[in-house]
């Protein structure tokens, strides 16, 4: 995986985590947690996608390139 793709995944993952955190503290997520005990599906997908993209970016940066 090239360094540019790894950096893009890392930056995209951090952005997704930021928006997931904002969504987690939103009014709709508060109502969802009150009635169902869990945040909205959008929040869960944003956080999960951010974690996966960030990990993929970090792994891509940690593995030395073959050049």
C-alpha atoms as a PDB file:
ATOM      1  CA  UNK A   1       0.000   0.000   0.000  1.00  0.00           C
ATOM      2  CA  UNK A   2       1.455   3.376  -0.906  1.00  0.00           C
ATOM      3  CA  UNK A   3       2.166   6.001   1.704  1.00  0.00           C
ATOM      4  CA  UNK A   4      -0.341   8.433   0.167  1.00  0.00           C
ATOM      5  CA  UNK A   5      -3.189   5.931   0.510  1.00  0.00           C
ATOM      6  CA  UNK A   6      -2.162   5.140   4.081  1.00  0.00           C
ATOM      7  CA  UNK A   7      -2.088   8.819   5.023  1.00  0.00           C
ATOM      8  CA  UNK A   8      -5.466   9.368   3.326  1.00  0.00           C
ATOM      9  CA  UNK A   9      -6.964   6.446   5.272  1.00  0.00           C
ATOM     10  CA  UNK A  10      -5.538   7.777   8.513  1.00  0.00           C
ATOM     11  CA  UNK A  11      -6.843  11.308   7.916  1.00  0.00           C
ATOM     12  CA  UNK A  12     -10.227   9.997   6.769  1.00  0.00           C
ATOM     13  CA  UNK A  13     -10.453   7.757   9.822  1.00  0.00           C
ATOM     14  CA  UNK A  14      -9.723  10.635  12.174  1.00  0.00           C
ATOM     15  CA  UNK A  15     -12.376  12.744  10.433  1.00  0.00           C
ATOM     16  CA  UNK A  16     -14.926   9.918  10.746  1.00  0.00           C
ATOM     17  CA  UNK A  17     -14.094   9.528  14.435  1.00  0.00           C
ATOM     18  CA  UNK A  18     -14.580  13.266  14.951  1.00  0.00           C
ATOM     19  CA  UNK A  19     -17.999  13.240  13.304  1.00  0.00           C
ATOM     20  CA  UNK A  20     -18.907  10.052  15.169  1.00  0.00           C
ATOM     21  CA  UNK A  21     -18.067  11.771  18.449  1.00  0.00           C
ATOM     22  CA  UNK A  22     -20.157  14.786  17.477  1.00  0.00           C
ATOM     23  CA  UNK A  23     -23.030  12.494  16.533  1.00  0.00           C
ATOM     24  CA  UNK A  24     -22.667  10.558  19.793  1.00  0.00           C
ATOM     25  CA  UNK A  25     -23.359  13.737  21.776  1.00  0.00           C
ATOM     26  CA  UNK A  26     -26.266  14.907  19.614  1.00  0.00           C
ATOM     27  CA  UNK A  27     -29.862  15.238  20.768  1.00  0.00           C
ATOM     28  CA  UNK A  28     -31.096  12.408  18.524  1.00  0.00           C
ATOM     29  CA  UNK A  29     -28.471  10.060  19.908  1.00  0.00           C
ATOM     30  CA  UNK A  30     -29.478  11.069  23.445  1.00  0.00           C
ATOM     31  CA  UNK A  31     -33.108  10.177  22.708  1.00  0.00           C
ATOM     32  CA  UNK A  32     -32.031   6.890  21.121  1.00  0.00           C
ATOM     33  CA  UNK A  33     -29.900   5.999  24.140  1.00  0.00           C
ATOM     34  CA  UNK A  34     -32.774   6.900  26.489  1.00  0.00           C
ATOM     35  CA  UNK A  35     -35.322   4.669  24.738  1.00  0.00           C
ATOM     36  CA  UNK A  36     -33.164   1.841  23.344  1.00  0.00           C
ATOM     37  CA  UNK A  37     -30.007   1.962  25.434  1.00  0.00           C
ATOM     38  CA  UNK A  38     -27.735   2.398  22.420  1.00  0.00           C
ATOM     39  CA  UNK A  39     -26.774   5.305  20.164  1.00  0.00           C
ATOM     40  CA  UNK A  40     -28.123   5.700  16.639  1.00  0.00           C
ATOM     41  CA  UNK A  41     -26.940   3.441  13.829  1.00  0.00           C
ATOM     42  CA  UNK A  42     -25.311   6.424  12.097  1.00  0.00           C
ATOM     43  CA  UNK A  43     -23.153   7.040  15.168  1.00  0.00           C
ATOM     44  CA  UNK A  44     -22.107   3.412  15.408  1.00  0.00           C
ATOM     45  CA  UNK A  45     -21.183   3.272  11.696  1.00  0.00           C
ATOM     46  CA  UNK A  46     -19.193   6.517  11.867  1.00  0.00           C
ATOM     47  CA  UNK A  47     -17.175   5.357  14.859  1.00  0.00           C
ATOM     48  CA  UNK A  48     -16.620   1.833  13.505  1.00  0.00           C
ATOM     49  CA  UNK A  49     -15.612   3.165  10.084  1.00  0.00           C
ATOM     50  CA  UNK A  50     -13.252   5.663  11.693  1.00  0.00           C
ATOM     51  CA  UNK A  51     -11.559   2.993  13.783  1.00  0.00           C
ATOM     52  CA  UNK A  52     -11.158   0.630  10.817  1.00  0.00           C
ATOM     53  CA  UNK A  53      -9.860   3.336   8.464  1.00  0.00           C
ATOM     54  CA  UNK A  54      -7.447   4.680  11.093  1.00  0.00           C
ATOM     55  CA  UNK A  55      -6.078   1.217  11.841  1.00  0.00           C
ATOM     56  CA  UNK A  56      -5.655   0.455   8.142  1.00  0.00           C
ATOM     57  CA  UNK A  57      -3.799   3.739   7.670  1.00  0.00           C
ATOM     58  CA  UNK A  58      -1.532   3.109  10.663  1.00  0.00           C
ATOM     59  CA  UNK A  59      -0.753  -0.430   9.540  1.00  0.00           C
ATOM     60  CA  UNK A  60      -0.009   0.842   6.028  1.00  0.00           C
ATOM     61  CA  UNK A  61       2.407   3.398   7.442  1.00  0.00           C
ATOM     62  CA  UNK A  62       4.045   0.895   9.792  1.00  0.00           C
ATOM     63  CA  UNK A  63       4.807  -1.679   7.094  1.00  0.00           C
ATOM     64  CA  UNK A  64       7.987  -0.706   5.218  1.00  0.00           C
ATOM     65  CA  UNK A  65       7.616  -0.251   1.488  1.00  0.00           C
ATOM     66  CA  UNK A  66       9.484  -2.565  -0.880  1.00  0.00           C
ATOM     67  CA  UNK A  67      11.407   0.248  -2.586  1.00  0.00           C
END
